[in-house]
């Protein structure tokens, strides 16, 4: 009596398993990233509705507060994707800085927050010039340093000024605004 059919079945089974293993390896190795910071296997470990996060200094004084309508945290790179975020930094001497957007992406411990979509920044230092509003489509914020940056077009409107530019860097602590390119400004001294 011969066992050829049995050995043929085992050989066929091993061939199918080897082919499945090769196919699985191919699928895992060839997945492309979804975006510049989101790998294809980017899976959230938790989701939060109506998020409110406050950062304080070592003395317990509030540095800034970050709100979002919806947040997803990704453990692989410790990042957070935010929907309808609002960042508010308050300082007794520097006033209030508020950033709103359609979406944002925060790195680990919110060291950097990238705002996307319709981004509006309001800087209110409660002085005679009143609040200044900046509007753009993309903004990199570094909350601990109170620095904002964009390479995109920006519109700046205040009580006495109306200007457009392409790209800016703003330091809220030093009250410094650096406009990069194609700056056009109208300053109204009559008010």
N, C-alpha and C. Protein backbone atom coordinates (compact mmCIF):
# COMPACT_ATOMS: atom_id res chain seq x y z
N UNK A 1 0.83 -1.16 0.00
CA UNK A 1 0.00 0.00 0.00
C UNK A 1 0.89 1.24 0.00
N UNK A 2 0.55 2.20 -0.84
CA UNK A 2 1.35 3.41 -1.00
C UNK A 2 0.65 4.63 -0.38
N UNK A 3 1.45 5.59 0.10
CA UNK A 3 0.93 6.80 0.75
C UNK A 3 1.08 8.03 -0.15
N UNK A 4 1.16 7.82 -1.44
CA UNK A 4 1.33 8.95 -2.37
C UNK A 4 0.22 9.99 -2.26
N UNK A 5 -1.05 9.65 -2.19
CA UNK A 5 -2.08 10.68 -2.06
C UNK A 5 -1.91 11.50 -0.79
N UNK A 6 -1.53 10.84 0.30
CA UNK A 6 -1.33 11.56 1.56
C UNK A 6 -0.18 12.56 1.45
N UNK A 7 0.96 12.13 0.86
CA UNK A 7 2.10 13.03 0.70
C UNK A 7 1.78 14.15 -0.29
N UNK A 8 0.99 13.86 -1.30
CA UNK A 8 0.57 14.89 -2.24
C UNK A 8 -0.28 15.95 -1.56
N UNK A 9 -1.18 15.50 -0.68
CA UNK A 9 -2.02 16.44 0.06
C UNK A 9 -1.17 17.31 0.98
N UNK A 10 -0.21 16.72 1.69
CA UNK A 10 0.67 17.49 2.57
C UNK A 10 1.50 18.51 1.78
N UNK A 11 1.99 18.09 0.61
CA UNK A 11 2.77 19.00 -0.24
C UNK A 11 1.90 20.15 -0.72
N UNK A 12 0.67 19.88 -1.10
CA UNK A 12 -0.26 20.92 -1.52
C UNK A 12 -0.58 21.87 -0.37
N UNK A 13 -0.81 21.33 0.84
CA UNK A 13 -1.09 22.15 2.01
C UNK A 13 0.09 23.05 2.36
N UNK A 14 1.30 22.51 2.33
CA UNK A 14 2.50 23.32 2.61
C UNK A 14 2.69 24.40 1.56
N UNK A 15 2.40 24.10 0.31
CA UNK A 15 2.51 25.09 -0.76
C UNK A 15 1.53 26.23 -0.55
N UNK A 16 0.29 25.92 -0.18
CA UNK A 16 -0.72 26.95 0.08
C UNK A 16 -0.29 27.81 1.26
N UNK A 17 0.19 27.21 2.33
CA UNK A 17 0.65 27.97 3.50
C UNK A 17 1.84 28.86 3.14
N UNK A 18 2.77 28.36 2.36
CA UNK A 18 3.93 29.16 1.94
C UNK A 18 3.48 30.34 1.09
N UNK A 19 2.54 30.11 0.16
CA UNK A 19 2.04 31.20 -0.69
C UNK A 19 1.30 32.24 0.14
N UNK A 20 0.50 31.80 1.12
CA UNK A 20 -0.22 32.74 1.99
C UNK A 20 0.76 33.56 2.82
N UNK A 21 1.82 32.90 3.29
CA UNK A 21 2.83 33.60 4.07
C UNK A 21 3.55 34.66 3.23
N UNK A 22 3.90 34.33 2.00
CA UNK A 22 4.54 35.29 1.10
C UNK A 22 3.61 36.46 0.78
N UNK A 23 2.34 36.17 0.54
CA UNK A 23 1.37 37.22 0.24
C UNK A 23 1.22 38.16 1.44
N UNK A 24 1.12 37.60 2.66
CA UNK A 24 0.99 38.42 3.87
C UNK A 24 2.22 39.30 4.07
N UNK A 25 3.40 38.76 3.85
CA UNK A 25 4.64 39.54 3.95
C UNK A 25 4.63 40.69 2.95
N UNK A 26 4.19 40.43 1.73
CA UNK A 26 4.12 41.46 0.69
C UNK A 26 3.15 42.58 1.09
N UNK A 27 1.99 42.21 1.61
CA UNK A 27 0.98 43.20 2.00
C UNK A 27 1.51 44.09 3.12
N UNK A 28 2.14 43.50 4.12
CA UNK A 28 2.65 44.26 5.26
C UNK A 28 3.80 45.18 4.83
N UNK A 29 4.70 44.71 4.00
CA UNK A 29 5.88 45.48 3.62
C UNK A 29 5.60 46.58 2.61
N UNK A 30 4.53 46.48 1.82
CA UNK A 30 4.30 47.46 0.76
C UNK A 30 3.24 48.50 1.09
N UNK A 31 2.74 48.55 2.32
CA UNK A 31 1.74 49.56 2.66
C UNK A 31 2.39 50.94 2.62
N UNK A 32 1.72 51.87 1.96
CA UNK A 32 2.22 53.24 1.82
C UNK A 32 1.62 54.13 2.90
N UNK A 33 2.34 55.19 3.31
CA UNK A 33 1.78 56.11 4.29
C UNK A 33 0.55 56.83 3.73
N UNK A 34 -0.38 57.16 4.62
CA UNK A 34 -1.58 57.89 4.23
C UNK A 34 -1.27 59.37 4.06
N UNK A 35 -0.46 59.93 4.90
CA UNK A 35 -0.11 61.34 4.85
C UNK A 35 1.31 61.53 5.31
N UNK A 36 1.75 62.79 5.46
CA UNK A 36 3.14 63.03 5.84
C UNK A 36 3.46 62.56 7.26
N UNK A 37 2.46 62.39 8.11
CA UNK A 37 2.73 61.97 9.47
C UNK A 37 1.91 60.75 9.87
N UNK A 38 1.02 60.24 9.02
CA UNK A 38 0.15 59.14 9.38
C UNK A 38 0.52 57.86 8.62
N UNK A 39 1.17 56.89 9.26
CA UNK A 39 1.44 55.64 8.57
C UNK A 39 0.13 54.88 8.32
N UNK A 40 0.16 53.96 7.36
CA UNK A 40 -1.05 53.24 6.97
C UNK A 40 -1.64 52.43 8.13
N UNK A 41 -0.80 51.91 9.00
CA UNK A 41 -1.29 51.11 10.12
C UNK A 41 -1.54 51.97 11.35
N UNK A 42 -1.81 53.23 11.17
CA UNK A 42 -2.04 54.20 12.24
C UNK A 42 -3.42 53.92 12.86
N UNK A 43 -3.45 53.35 14.04
CA UNK A 43 -4.69 52.99 14.69
C UNK A 43 -4.81 53.70 16.02
N UNK A 44 -5.95 54.32 16.26
CA UNK A 44 -6.17 55.06 17.51
C UNK A 44 -6.37 54.10 18.67
N UNK A 45 -5.78 54.46 19.83
CA UNK A 45 -6.01 53.64 21.02
C UNK A 45 -7.16 54.20 21.85
N UNK A 46 -7.45 55.51 21.71
CA UNK A 46 -8.64 56.06 22.35
C UNK A 46 -9.11 57.30 21.61
N UNK A 47 -10.40 57.59 21.77
CA UNK A 47 -11.03 58.75 21.16
C UNK A 47 -11.80 59.49 22.25
N UNK A 48 -11.79 60.84 22.16
CA UNK A 48 -12.43 61.65 23.18
C UNK A 48 -13.30 62.71 22.50
N UNK A 49 -14.51 62.87 22.99
CA UNK A 49 -15.37 63.95 22.53
C UNK A 49 -15.27 65.08 23.56
N UNK A 50 -15.29 66.31 23.06
CA UNK A 50 -15.26 67.51 23.91
C UNK A 50 -14.04 67.50 24.85
N UNK A 51 -12.87 67.41 24.24
CA UNK A 51 -11.61 67.39 24.97
C UNK A 51 -11.26 68.77 25.50
N UNK A 52 -10.76 68.83 26.72
CA UNK A 52 -10.20 70.06 27.29
C UNK A 52 -8.93 69.67 28.02
N UNK A 53 -7.81 70.27 27.61
CA UNK A 53 -6.52 69.97 28.21
C UNK A 53 -5.85 71.28 28.61
N UNK A 54 -5.37 71.37 29.83
CA UNK A 54 -4.70 72.58 30.32
C UNK A 54 -3.27 72.25 30.68
N UNK A 55 -2.34 73.07 30.19
CA UNK A 55 -0.92 72.91 30.54
C UNK A 55 -0.57 73.97 31.58
N UNK A 56 0.10 73.56 32.65
CA UNK A 56 0.52 74.49 33.69
C UNK A 56 2.04 74.46 33.81
N UNK A 57 2.59 75.52 34.41
CA UNK A 57 4.03 75.54 34.66
C UNK A 57 4.30 74.84 36.00
N UNK A 58 5.55 74.86 36.46
CA UNK A 58 5.92 74.14 37.68
C UNK A 58 5.28 74.75 38.93
N UNK A 59 4.89 76.03 38.85
CA UNK A 59 4.21 76.69 39.98
C UNK A 59 2.70 76.45 39.95
N UNK A 60 2.19 75.78 38.91
CA UNK A 60 0.77 75.51 38.80
C UNK A 60 -0.01 76.60 38.08
N UNK A 61 0.69 77.57 37.51
CA UNK A 61 0.03 78.64 36.76
C UNK A 61 -0.32 78.14 35.36
N UNK A 62 -1.54 78.46 34.91
CA UNK A 62 -1.99 78.00 33.61
C UNK A 62 -1.21 78.69 32.50
N UNK A 63 -0.62 77.88 31.57
CA UNK A 63 0.09 78.42 30.42
C UNK A 63 -0.83 78.53 29.22
N UNK A 64 -1.56 77.45 28.94
CA UNK A 64 -2.52 77.46 27.84
C UNK A 64 -3.53 76.35 28.02
N UNK A 65 -4.64 76.49 27.31
CA UNK A 65 -5.69 75.48 27.31
C UNK A 65 -5.98 75.11 25.86
N UNK A 66 -6.16 73.82 25.62
CA UNK A 66 -6.47 73.31 24.29
C UNK A 66 -7.81 72.57 24.36
N UNK A 67 -8.78 73.02 23.54
CA UNK A 67 -10.08 72.36 23.43
C UNK A 67 -10.17 71.73 22.06
N UNK A 68 -11.01 70.69 21.95
CA UNK A 68 -11.32 70.10 20.65
C UNK A 68 -12.68 69.42 20.74
N UNK A 69 -13.41 69.46 19.63
CA UNK A 69 -14.70 68.80 19.56
C UNK A 69 -14.51 67.28 19.60
N UNK A 70 -13.45 66.81 18.94
CA UNK A 70 -13.18 65.37 18.88
C UNK A 70 -11.67 65.18 18.79
N UNK A 71 -11.14 64.18 19.49
CA UNK A 71 -9.71 63.90 19.47
C UNK A 71 -9.48 62.40 19.38
N UNK A 72 -8.48 62.01 18.58
CA UNK A 72 -8.04 60.61 18.47
C UNK A 72 -6.56 60.55 18.80
N UNK A 73 -6.18 59.69 19.73
CA UNK A 73 -4.78 59.54 20.11
C UNK A 73 -4.21 58.28 19.46
N UNK A 74 -2.99 58.39 18.93
CA UNK A 74 -2.33 57.28 18.25
C UNK A 74 -1.07 56.91 19.04
N UNK A 75 -1.03 55.71 19.64
CA UNK A 75 0.07 55.34 20.52
C UNK A 75 1.39 55.10 19.81
N UNK A 76 1.36 54.74 18.53
CA UNK A 76 2.59 54.41 17.81
C UNK A 76 3.59 55.54 17.82
N UNK A 77 3.12 56.77 17.65
CA UNK A 77 4.02 57.94 17.67
C UNK A 77 3.57 58.98 18.70
N UNK A 78 2.63 58.62 19.56
CA UNK A 78 2.12 59.49 20.63
C UNK A 78 1.65 60.83 20.07
N UNK A 79 0.81 60.78 19.03
CA UNK A 79 0.27 61.99 18.42
C UNK A 79 -1.25 61.99 18.57
N UNK A 80 -1.84 63.18 18.35
CA UNK A 80 -3.28 63.34 18.49
C UNK A 80 -3.82 64.13 17.32
N UNK A 81 -4.91 63.64 16.74
CA UNK A 81 -5.61 64.31 15.65
C UNK A 81 -6.84 64.98 16.26
N UNK A 82 -7.00 66.30 16.03
CA UNK A 82 -8.06 67.08 16.67
C UNK A 82 -9.02 67.66 15.64
N UNK A 83 -10.31 67.65 15.95
CA UNK A 83 -11.33 68.25 15.11
C UNK A 83 -11.86 69.49 15.83
N UNK A 84 -11.95 70.61 15.11
CA UNK A 84 -12.39 71.91 15.62
C UNK A 84 -11.64 72.31 16.90
N UNK A 85 -10.30 72.39 16.80
CA UNK A 85 -9.50 72.75 17.97
C UNK A 85 -9.51 74.25 18.26
N UNK A 86 -9.32 74.58 19.53
CA UNK A 86 -9.16 75.97 19.98
C UNK A 86 -8.03 75.96 21.01
N UNK A 87 -6.99 76.75 20.75
CA UNK A 87 -5.86 76.89 21.68
C UNK A 87 -5.89 78.30 22.24
N UNK A 88 -5.90 78.44 23.56
CA UNK A 88 -5.92 79.75 24.21
C UNK A 88 -4.74 79.84 25.17
N UNK A 89 -3.84 80.80 24.89
CA UNK A 89 -2.71 81.08 25.78
C UNK A 89 -2.97 82.41 26.45
N UNK A 90 -2.93 82.42 27.78
CA UNK A 90 -3.19 83.64 28.53
C UNK A 90 -1.96 84.02 29.33
N UNK A 91 -1.63 85.31 29.30
CA UNK A 91 -0.48 85.84 30.01
C UNK A 91 -0.87 87.20 30.56
N UNK A 92 -0.57 87.46 31.83
CA UNK A 92 -0.97 88.73 32.45
C UNK A 92 -0.38 89.94 31.73
N UNK A 93 0.84 89.81 31.22
CA UNK A 93 1.47 90.95 30.54
C UNK A 93 1.29 90.91 29.03
N UNK A 94 1.17 89.72 28.44
CA UNK A 94 1.08 89.59 26.99
C UNK A 94 -0.36 89.51 26.48
N UNK A 95 -1.34 89.42 27.35
CA UNK A 95 -2.72 89.32 26.92
C UNK A 95 -3.10 87.91 26.54
N UNK A 96 -4.10 87.79 25.67
CA UNK A 96 -4.62 86.50 25.27
C UNK A 96 -4.34 86.23 23.80
N UNK A 97 -3.94 85.01 23.50
CA UNK A 97 -3.73 84.57 22.13
C UNK A 97 -4.64 83.36 21.92
N UNK A 98 -5.54 83.46 20.93
CA UNK A 98 -6.48 82.37 20.64
C UNK A 98 -6.29 81.90 19.21
N UNK A 99 -6.18 80.59 19.02
CA UNK A 99 -6.05 79.99 17.69
C UNK A 99 -7.21 79.01 17.50
N UNK A 100 -7.95 79.17 16.38
CA UNK A 100 -9.05 78.27 16.02
C UNK A 100 -8.80 77.72 14.63
N UNK A 101 -9.27 76.48 14.39
CA UNK A 101 -9.09 75.88 13.07
C UNK A 101 -10.11 74.77 12.85
N UNK A 102 -10.14 74.26 11.62
CA UNK A 102 -11.01 73.12 11.30
C UNK A 102 -10.45 71.83 11.89
N UNK A 103 -9.12 71.66 11.76
CA UNK A 103 -8.44 70.46 12.25
C UNK A 103 -7.08 70.84 12.79
N UNK A 104 -6.52 69.95 13.58
CA UNK A 104 -5.15 70.13 14.06
C UNK A 104 -4.54 68.77 14.33
N UNK A 105 -3.23 68.77 14.34
CA UNK A 105 -2.45 67.58 14.60
C UNK A 105 -1.43 67.95 15.66
N UNK A 106 -1.47 67.30 16.82
CA UNK A 106 -0.57 67.61 17.94
C UNK A 106 0.45 66.50 18.12
N UNK A 107 1.72 66.89 18.25
CA UNK A 107 2.77 65.92 18.52
C UNK A 107 2.74 65.52 19.99
N UNK A 108 3.64 64.65 20.38
CA UNK A 108 3.71 64.17 21.75
C UNK A 108 3.78 65.33 22.73
N UNK A 109 2.93 65.32 23.75
CA UNK A 109 2.85 66.33 24.80
C UNK A 109 2.54 67.72 24.25
N UNK A 110 1.96 67.79 23.06
CA UNK A 110 1.55 69.04 22.41
C UNK A 110 2.70 70.05 22.32
N UNK A 111 3.90 69.54 22.08
CA UNK A 111 5.05 70.43 21.88
C UNK A 111 4.88 71.23 20.59
N UNK A 112 4.24 70.62 19.59
CA UNK A 112 3.94 71.31 18.33
C UNK A 112 2.52 70.94 17.93
N UNK A 113 1.75 71.95 17.52
CA UNK A 113 0.38 71.72 17.06
C UNK A 113 0.26 72.35 15.68
N UNK A 114 -0.08 71.55 14.67
CA UNK A 114 -0.28 72.04 13.31
C UNK A 114 -1.77 72.22 13.06
N UNK A 115 -2.18 73.47 12.85
CA UNK A 115 -3.58 73.79 12.59
C UNK A 115 -3.79 73.84 11.08
N UNK A 116 -4.94 73.28 10.61
CA UNK A 116 -5.21 73.20 9.17
C UNK A 116 -6.65 73.61 8.89
N UNK A 117 -6.89 74.02 7.64
CA UNK A 117 -8.23 74.44 7.23
C UNK A 117 -8.34 75.95 7.38
N UNK A 118 -9.45 76.40 7.87
CA UNK A 118 -9.66 77.83 8.11
C UNK A 118 -9.08 78.15 9.49
N UNK A 119 -7.89 78.77 9.51
CA UNK A 119 -7.18 79.05 10.76
C UNK A 119 -7.31 80.54 11.08
N UNK A 120 -7.80 80.84 12.30
CA UNK A 120 -7.95 82.23 12.74
C UNK A 120 -7.21 82.39 14.06
N UNK A 121 -6.32 83.40 14.10
CA UNK A 121 -5.55 83.72 15.31
C UNK A 121 -5.97 85.11 15.76
N UNK A 122 -6.34 85.24 17.04
CA UNK A 122 -6.69 86.54 17.60
C UNK A 122 -5.73 86.82 18.75
N UNK A 123 -5.00 87.92 18.62
CA UNK A 123 -4.07 88.35 19.67
C UNK A 123 -4.62 89.62 20.29
N UNK A 124 -4.99 89.55 21.57
CA UNK A 124 -5.59 90.68 22.26
C UNK A 124 -4.74 91.03 23.47
N UNK A 125 -4.03 92.14 23.37
CA UNK A 125 -3.17 92.58 24.48
C UNK A 125 -3.82 93.70 25.28
N UNK A 126 -5.08 94.03 24.98
CA UNK A 126 -5.85 95.04 25.69
C UNK A 126 -5.14 96.40 25.72
N UNK A 127 -4.63 96.81 24.56
CA UNK A 127 -4.02 98.13 24.47
C UNK A 127 -4.82 98.99 23.50
N UNK A 128 -4.34 100.18 23.18
CA UNK A 128 -5.09 101.11 22.33
C UNK A 128 -5.26 100.59 20.90
N UNK A 129 -4.41 99.68 20.43
CA UNK A 129 -4.54 99.14 19.09
C UNK A 129 -5.66 98.10 19.00
N UNK A 130 -6.07 97.57 20.14
CA UNK A 130 -7.12 96.57 20.14
C UNK A 130 -6.62 95.23 19.66
N UNK A 131 -7.53 94.27 19.47
CA UNK A 131 -7.12 92.93 19.03
C UNK A 131 -6.65 92.93 17.58
N UNK A 132 -5.77 92.01 17.28
CA UNK A 132 -5.29 91.79 15.91
C UNK A 132 -5.69 90.38 15.51
N UNK A 133 -6.30 90.25 14.32
CA UNK A 133 -6.76 88.96 13.82
C UNK A 133 -5.92 88.55 12.62
N UNK A 134 -5.40 87.34 12.65
CA UNK A 134 -4.65 86.77 11.54
C UNK A 134 -5.44 85.59 10.99
N UNK A 135 -5.56 85.52 9.67
CA UNK A 135 -6.28 84.42 9.03
C UNK A 135 -5.36 83.76 8.00
N UNK A 136 -5.30 82.42 8.02
CA UNK A 136 -4.47 81.66 7.10
C UNK A 136 -5.07 80.27 6.93
N UNK A 137 -4.39 79.40 6.17
CA UNK A 137 -4.91 78.05 5.94
C UNK A 137 -4.09 76.97 6.65
N UNK A 138 -2.90 77.31 7.13
CA UNK A 138 -2.05 76.35 7.83
C UNK A 138 -1.19 77.11 8.83
N UNK A 139 -1.02 76.54 10.02
CA UNK A 139 -0.26 77.23 11.05
C UNK A 139 0.43 76.21 11.94
N UNK A 140 1.73 76.39 12.14
CA UNK A 140 2.48 75.58 13.10
C UNK A 140 2.57 76.39 14.38
N UNK A 141 2.13 75.80 15.50
CA UNK A 141 2.19 76.47 16.79
C UNK A 141 3.10 75.68 17.72
N UNK A 142 3.93 76.42 18.46
CA UNK A 142 4.80 75.84 19.47
C UNK A 142 4.35 76.47 20.79
N UNK A 143 3.35 75.86 21.46
CA UNK A 143 2.69 76.50 22.61
C UNK A 143 3.63 76.88 23.75
N UNK A 144 4.61 76.06 24.09
CA UNK A 144 5.50 76.38 25.20
C UNK A 144 6.31 77.64 24.95
N UNK A 145 6.71 77.86 23.70
CA UNK A 145 7.48 79.05 23.34
C UNK A 145 6.59 80.22 22.90
N UNK A 146 5.29 79.96 22.70
CA UNK A 146 4.33 80.93 22.18
C UNK A 146 4.78 81.48 20.83
N UNK A 147 5.22 80.56 19.96
CA UNK A 147 5.68 80.91 18.61
C UNK A 147 4.73 80.29 17.60
N UNK A 148 4.35 81.08 16.57
CA UNK A 148 3.48 80.63 15.49
C UNK A 148 4.21 80.85 14.17
N UNK A 149 4.00 79.93 13.20
CA UNK A 149 4.67 80.04 11.91
C UNK A 149 3.76 79.51 10.81
N UNK A 150 3.77 80.15 9.64
CA UNK A 150 3.13 79.61 8.46
C UNK A 150 3.90 80.05 7.21
N UNK A 151 4.00 79.17 6.21
CA UNK A 151 4.56 79.56 4.92
C UNK A 151 3.47 80.04 3.96
N UNK A 152 2.20 79.94 4.38
CA UNK A 152 1.05 80.22 3.52
C UNK A 152 0.67 81.70 3.56
N UNK A 153 -0.20 82.14 2.64
CA UNK A 153 -0.71 83.52 2.66
C UNK A 153 -1.45 83.80 3.97
N UNK A 154 -1.33 85.04 4.44
CA UNK A 154 -1.95 85.43 5.69
C UNK A 154 -2.58 86.82 5.52
N UNK A 155 -3.71 87.02 6.19
CA UNK A 155 -4.38 88.32 6.24
C UNK A 155 -4.35 88.77 7.69
N UNK A 156 -3.85 90.00 7.93
CA UNK A 156 -3.77 90.55 9.28
C UNK A 156 -4.65 91.79 9.33
N UNK A 157 -5.59 91.81 10.28
CA UNK A 157 -6.52 92.93 10.41
C UNK A 157 -6.53 93.37 11.87
N UNK A 158 -6.37 94.67 12.06
CA UNK A 158 -6.45 95.27 13.39
C UNK A 158 -7.22 96.57 13.31
N UNK A 159 -7.33 97.27 14.43
CA UNK A 159 -8.05 98.54 14.47
C UNK A 159 -7.43 99.56 13.54
N UNK A 160 -6.11 99.58 13.45
CA UNK A 160 -5.40 100.58 12.65
C UNK A 160 -4.70 100.01 11.42
N UNK A 161 -4.72 98.70 11.23
CA UNK A 161 -3.92 98.12 10.16
C UNK A 161 -4.68 97.02 9.42
N UNK A 162 -4.38 96.91 8.13
CA UNK A 162 -4.91 95.85 7.28
C UNK A 162 -3.76 95.45 6.36
N UNK A 163 -3.30 94.20 6.45
CA UNK A 163 -2.17 93.80 5.60
C UNK A 163 -2.30 92.36 5.16
N UNK A 164 -1.63 92.07 4.04
CA UNK A 164 -1.54 90.71 3.53
C UNK A 164 -0.07 90.38 3.33
N UNK A 165 0.25 89.11 3.41
CA UNK A 165 1.63 88.65 3.21
C UNK A 165 1.61 87.16 2.90
N UNK A 166 2.73 86.66 2.46
CA UNK A 166 2.90 85.22 2.27
C UNK A 166 3.96 84.77 3.28
N UNK A 167 3.50 84.06 4.29
CA UNK A 167 4.39 83.55 5.34
C UNK A 167 4.61 84.54 6.46
N UNK A 168 4.63 84.03 7.68
CA UNK A 168 4.98 84.86 8.83
C UNK A 168 5.45 83.98 9.98
N UNK A 169 6.18 84.61 10.89
CA UNK A 169 6.55 84.01 12.16
C UNK A 169 6.17 85.01 13.24
N UNK A 170 5.52 84.53 14.28
CA UNK A 170 5.08 85.42 15.36
C UNK A 170 5.53 84.85 16.69
N UNK A 171 6.11 85.70 17.53
CA UNK A 171 6.48 85.34 18.88
C UNK A 171 5.61 86.18 19.81
N UNK A 172 4.67 85.55 20.49
CA UNK A 172 3.73 86.28 21.34
C UNK A 172 4.41 86.85 22.58
N UNK A 173 5.43 86.17 23.09
CA UNK A 173 6.11 86.68 24.30
C UNK A 173 6.84 87.99 24.02
N UNK A 174 7.55 88.05 22.91
CA UNK A 174 8.30 89.27 22.59
C UNK A 174 7.48 90.25 21.76
N UNK A 175 6.23 89.89 21.42
CA UNK A 175 5.34 90.73 20.61
C UNK A 175 5.99 91.08 19.29
N UNK A 176 6.54 90.06 18.63
CA UNK A 176 7.29 90.24 17.39
C UNK A 176 6.59 89.48 16.27
N UNK A 177 6.39 90.14 15.14
CA UNK A 177 5.77 89.54 13.97
C UNK A 177 6.67 89.78 12.78
N UNK A 178 7.12 88.69 12.14
CA UNK A 178 8.00 88.76 10.97
C UNK A 178 7.22 88.30 9.75
N UNK A 179 6.91 89.22 8.84
CA UNK A 179 6.20 88.90 7.61
C UNK A 179 7.24 88.58 6.55
N UNK A 180 7.05 87.48 5.80
CA UNK A 180 8.11 86.95 4.94
C UNK A 180 8.14 87.55 3.52
N UNK A 181 7.05 87.44 2.75
CA UNK A 181 7.08 87.81 1.33
C UNK A 181 5.80 88.55 0.94
N UNK A 182 5.89 89.30 -0.15
CA UNK A 182 4.73 89.95 -0.78
C UNK A 182 3.86 90.69 0.24
N UNK A 183 4.48 91.49 1.06
CA UNK A 183 3.77 92.23 2.10
C UNK A 183 3.11 93.46 1.52
N UNK A 184 1.81 93.62 1.77
CA UNK A 184 1.06 94.81 1.38
C UNK A 184 0.31 95.27 2.60
N UNK A 185 0.50 96.54 3.00
CA UNK A 185 -0.10 97.02 4.24
C UNK A 185 -0.78 98.37 4.04
N UNK A 186 -1.85 98.56 4.80
CA UNK A 186 -2.54 99.85 4.87
C UNK A 186 -2.65 100.18 6.36
N UNK A 187 -2.05 101.30 6.75
CA UNK A 187 -2.05 101.71 8.15
C UNK A 187 -2.86 102.99 8.26
N UNK A 188 -3.90 102.99 9.06
CA UNK A 188 -4.82 104.14 9.20
C UNK A 188 -4.46 104.91 10.47
N UNK A 189 -3.82 106.05 10.31
CA UNK A 189 -3.42 106.86 11.47
C UNK A 189 -4.52 107.82 11.92
N UNK A 190 -5.61 107.90 11.17
CA UNK A 190 -6.67 108.85 11.51
C UNK A 190 -7.54 108.37 12.65
N UNK A 191 -7.51 107.13 13.00
CA UNK A 191 -8.38 106.60 14.07
C UNK A 191 -7.82 106.87 15.43
